Amino acid sequence: MRDYAKARTKELKLAKPGGVRVNIAGCMNRCQEGPVAVVYPEGVWYRYKNKDDIDRIIENHLMKGQVVEDLKI
């Protein structure tokens, strides 16, 4: 999923200096939630299961500034 998110943000030209950066970080002390992503500087935590969830986070939060409430932890 990280590779997909990284590729998708590049495709959308979001990954640039001062823009979106996709990193690998382990479970960040939230292992019980399954795979997680956090969007900074807002500090919004998400759980995700598939590419559709990743797309929703990218399209809604990263591009429109709208929190994806049903994926939020």
N, C-alpha and C. Protein backbone atom coordinates (compact mmCIF):
# COMPACT_ATOMS: atom_id res chain seq x y z
N MET A 1 0.82 -1.19 0.00
CA MET A 1 0.00 0.00 0.00
C MET A 1 0.87 1.26 0.00
N ARG A 2 2.02 1.22 0.72
CA ARG A 2 2.90 2.38 0.73
C ARG A 2 3.39 2.69 -0.69
N ASP A 3 3.80 1.66 -1.40
CA ASP A 3 4.27 1.86 -2.77
C ASP A 3 3.16 2.45 -3.65
N TYR A 4 1.95 1.97 -3.46
CA TYR A 4 0.82 2.50 -4.22
C TYR A 4 0.58 3.97 -3.88
N ALA A 5 0.56 4.30 -2.59
CA ALA A 5 0.34 5.69 -2.16
C ALA A 5 1.44 6.60 -2.69
N LYS A 6 2.67 6.13 -2.65
CA LYS A 6 3.79 6.93 -3.13
C LYS A 6 3.66 7.18 -4.65
N ALA A 7 3.35 6.14 -5.39
CA ALA A 7 3.18 6.27 -6.84
C ALA A 7 2.01 7.18 -7.18
N ARG A 8 0.91 7.02 -6.46
CA ARG A 8 -0.29 7.82 -6.74
C ARG A 8 -0.06 9.30 -6.46
N THR A 9 0.63 9.63 -5.36
CA THR A 9 0.90 11.03 -5.07
C THR A 9 1.85 11.63 -6.11
N LYS A 10 2.76 10.83 -6.63
CA LYS A 10 3.63 11.31 -7.72
C LYS A 10 2.84 11.56 -8.98
N GLU A 11 1.95 10.61 -9.34
CA GLU A 11 1.10 10.78 -10.52
C GLU A 11 0.29 12.06 -10.46
N LEU A 12 -0.21 12.37 -9.28
CA LEU A 12 -1.05 13.56 -9.08
C LEU A 12 -0.24 14.83 -8.84
N LYS A 13 1.08 14.71 -8.93
CA LYS A 13 2.01 15.84 -8.74
C LYS A 13 1.90 16.46 -7.34
N LEU A 14 1.54 15.63 -6.36
CA LEU A 14 1.47 16.08 -4.97
C LEU A 14 2.81 15.89 -4.27
N ALA A 15 3.60 14.93 -4.76
CA ALA A 15 4.90 14.62 -4.15
C ALA A 15 5.96 15.53 -4.75
N LYS A 16 6.30 16.57 -4.01
CA LYS A 16 7.29 17.56 -4.46
C LYS A 16 7.84 18.25 -3.22
N PRO A 17 8.95 18.97 -3.34
CA PRO A 17 9.46 19.69 -2.17
C PRO A 17 8.38 20.59 -1.57
N GLY A 18 8.16 20.45 -0.28
CA GLY A 18 7.12 21.22 0.38
C GLY A 18 5.73 20.65 0.23
N GLY A 19 5.63 19.52 -0.48
CA GLY A 19 4.34 18.89 -0.71
C GLY A 19 4.19 17.61 0.08
N VAL A 20 3.57 16.63 -0.52
CA VAL A 20 3.28 15.35 0.14
C VAL A 20 4.52 14.46 0.11
N ARG A 21 4.76 13.82 1.24
CA ARG A 21 5.85 12.85 1.35
C ARG A 21 5.28 11.58 1.98
N VAL A 22 5.47 10.46 1.31
CA VAL A 22 4.99 9.17 1.81
C VAL A 22 6.19 8.41 2.35
N ASN A 23 6.14 8.08 3.64
CA ASN A 23 7.23 7.36 4.31
C ASN A 23 6.72 6.06 4.90
N ILE A 24 7.64 5.17 5.17
CA ILE A 24 7.32 3.94 5.92
C ILE A 24 7.71 4.17 7.37
N ALA A 25 6.87 3.74 8.29
CA ALA A 25 7.15 4.03 9.70
C ALA A 25 6.70 2.93 10.66
N GLY A 26 6.39 1.76 10.22
CA GLY A 26 5.89 0.74 11.15
C GLY A 26 4.49 1.08 11.61
N CYS A 27 4.10 0.55 12.76
CA CYS A 27 2.71 0.76 13.22
C CYS A 27 2.56 1.99 14.10
N MET A 28 3.62 2.66 14.45
CA MET A 28 3.60 3.91 15.22
C MET A 28 2.78 3.78 16.51
N ASN A 29 2.96 2.66 17.20
CA ASN A 29 2.28 2.37 18.47
C ASN A 29 0.77 2.22 18.33
N ARG A 30 0.30 1.93 17.14
CA ARG A 30 -1.14 1.68 16.92
C ARG A 30 -1.33 0.37 16.18
N CYS A 31 -0.53 -0.62 16.53
CA CYS A 31 -0.56 -1.92 15.84
C CYS A 31 -1.94 -2.56 15.86
N GLN A 32 -2.69 -2.37 16.92
CA GLN A 32 -4.02 -2.98 17.04
C GLN A 32 -4.99 -2.44 16.00
N GLU A 33 -4.68 -1.31 15.39
CA GLU A 33 -5.57 -0.71 14.38
C GLU A 33 -5.33 -1.30 12.99
N GLY A 34 -4.28 -2.12 12.83
CA GLY A 34 -3.90 -2.61 11.50
C GLY A 34 -3.05 -1.56 10.83
N PRO A 35 -2.94 -1.60 9.49
CA PRO A 35 -2.14 -0.57 8.81
C PRO A 35 -2.72 0.82 9.07
N VAL A 36 -1.85 1.78 9.34
CA VAL A 36 -2.29 3.14 9.61
C VAL A 36 -1.50 4.14 8.77
N ALA A 37 -2.10 5.30 8.60
CA ALA A 37 -1.44 6.43 7.96
C ALA A 37 -1.77 7.66 8.79
N VAL A 38 -0.84 8.59 8.85
CA VAL A 38 -1.09 9.83 9.57
C VAL A 38 -0.75 10.99 8.64
N VAL A 39 -1.61 11.98 8.62
CA VAL A 39 -1.40 13.16 7.78
C VAL A 39 -0.97 14.31 8.68
N TYR A 40 0.23 14.81 8.42
CA TYR A 40 0.75 15.98 9.14
C TYR A 40 0.70 17.18 8.21
N PRO A 41 0.57 18.40 8.70
CA PRO A 41 0.70 18.81 10.08
C PRO A 41 -0.59 18.67 10.90
N GLU A 42 -1.69 18.24 10.27
CA GLU A 42 -2.95 18.15 11.00
C GLU A 42 -2.93 17.08 12.09
N GLY A 43 -2.15 16.03 11.90
CA GLY A 43 -2.10 14.95 12.87
C GLY A 43 -3.34 14.06 12.82
N VAL A 44 -3.93 13.90 11.65
CA VAL A 44 -5.11 13.05 11.50
C VAL A 44 -4.64 11.63 11.17
N TRP A 45 -5.10 10.67 11.98
CA TRP A 45 -4.74 9.26 11.82
C TRP A 45 -5.85 8.53 11.08
N TYR A 46 -5.42 7.66 10.14
CA TYR A 46 -6.36 6.85 9.38
C TYR A 46 -5.97 5.38 9.44
N ARG A 47 -6.99 4.52 9.35
CA ARG A 47 -6.76 3.11 9.07
C ARG A 47 -7.20 2.90 7.63
N TYR A 48 -6.61 1.92 6.98
CA TYR A 48 -6.99 1.63 5.59
C TYR A 48 -6.86 0.13 5.35
N LYS A 49 -7.60 -0.34 4.34
CA LYS A 49 -7.58 -1.77 4.01
C LYS A 49 -7.17 -2.04 2.58
N ASN A 50 -7.39 -1.07 1.69
CA ASN A 50 -7.16 -1.33 0.27
C ASN A 50 -6.85 -0.03 -0.48
N LYS A 51 -6.64 -0.17 -1.78
CA LYS A 51 -6.31 0.98 -2.62
C LYS A 51 -7.43 2.01 -2.65
N ASP A 52 -8.66 1.55 -2.58
CA ASP A 52 -9.78 2.50 -2.56
C ASP A 52 -9.70 3.41 -1.35
N ASP A 53 -9.35 2.86 -0.20
CA ASP A 53 -9.20 3.68 1.01
C ASP A 53 -8.06 4.68 0.84
N ILE A 54 -6.94 4.23 0.29
CA ILE A 54 -5.80 5.12 0.05
C ILE A 54 -6.22 6.24 -0.90
N ASP A 55 -6.92 5.89 -1.98
CA ASP A 55 -7.39 6.91 -2.93
C ASP A 55 -8.29 7.93 -2.25
N ARG A 56 -9.17 7.48 -1.39
CA ARG A 56 -10.07 8.40 -0.69
C ARG A 56 -9.30 9.35 0.21
N ILE A 57 -8.29 8.85 0.90
CA ILE A 57 -7.46 9.71 1.75
C ILE A 57 -6.72 10.74 0.90
N ILE A 58 -6.14 10.29 -0.19
CA ILE A 58 -5.41 11.22 -1.07
C ILE A 58 -6.35 12.26 -1.66
N GLU A 59 -7.43 11.79 -2.27
CA GLU A 59 -8.33 12.70 -2.98
C GLU A 59 -9.07 13.66 -2.05
N ASN A 60 -9.52 13.15 -0.92
CA ASN A 60 -10.29 14.01 -0.02
C ASN A 60 -9.41 14.82 0.92
N HIS A 61 -8.53 14.17 1.66
CA HIS A 61 -7.74 14.91 2.65
C HIS A 61 -6.60 15.69 2.01
N LEU A 62 -5.77 15.01 1.21
CA LEU A 62 -4.59 15.68 0.68
C LEU A 62 -4.93 16.71 -0.40
N MET A 63 -5.92 16.43 -1.20
CA MET A 63 -6.24 17.35 -2.29
C MET A 63 -7.32 18.38 -1.93
N LYS A 64 -8.28 18.00 -1.09
CA LYS A 64 -9.39 18.90 -0.79
C LYS A 64 -9.40 19.41 0.65
N GLY A 65 -8.52 18.85 1.49
CA GLY A 65 -8.48 19.28 2.89
C GLY A 65 -9.64 18.78 3.72
N GLN A 66 -10.33 17.72 3.25
CA GLN A 66 -11.49 17.19 3.96
C GLN A 66 -11.12 15.86 4.63
N VAL A 67 -11.35 15.78 5.93
CA VAL A 67 -11.07 14.56 6.69
C VAL A 67 -12.03 13.46 6.23
N VAL A 68 -11.51 12.25 6.05
CA VAL A 68 -12.32 11.09 5.68
C VAL A 68 -12.76 10.45 6.99
N GLU A 69 -13.90 10.86 7.47
CA GLU A 69 -14.36 10.51 8.83
C GLU A 69 -14.47 9.01 9.06
N ASP A 70 -14.96 8.25 8.10
CA ASP A 70 -15.15 6.81 8.35
C ASP A 70 -13.86 6.02 8.37
N LEU A 71 -12.73 6.60 7.95
CA LEU A 71 -11.44 5.94 8.04
C LEU A 71 -10.59 6.49 9.18
N LYS A 72 -11.05 7.55 9.78
CA LYS A 72 -10.31 8.20 10.86
C LYS A 72 -10.27 7.32 12.11
N ILE A 73 -9.13 7.31 12.76
CA ILE A 73 -8.97 6.57 14.01
C ILE A 73 -9.26 7.53 15.15
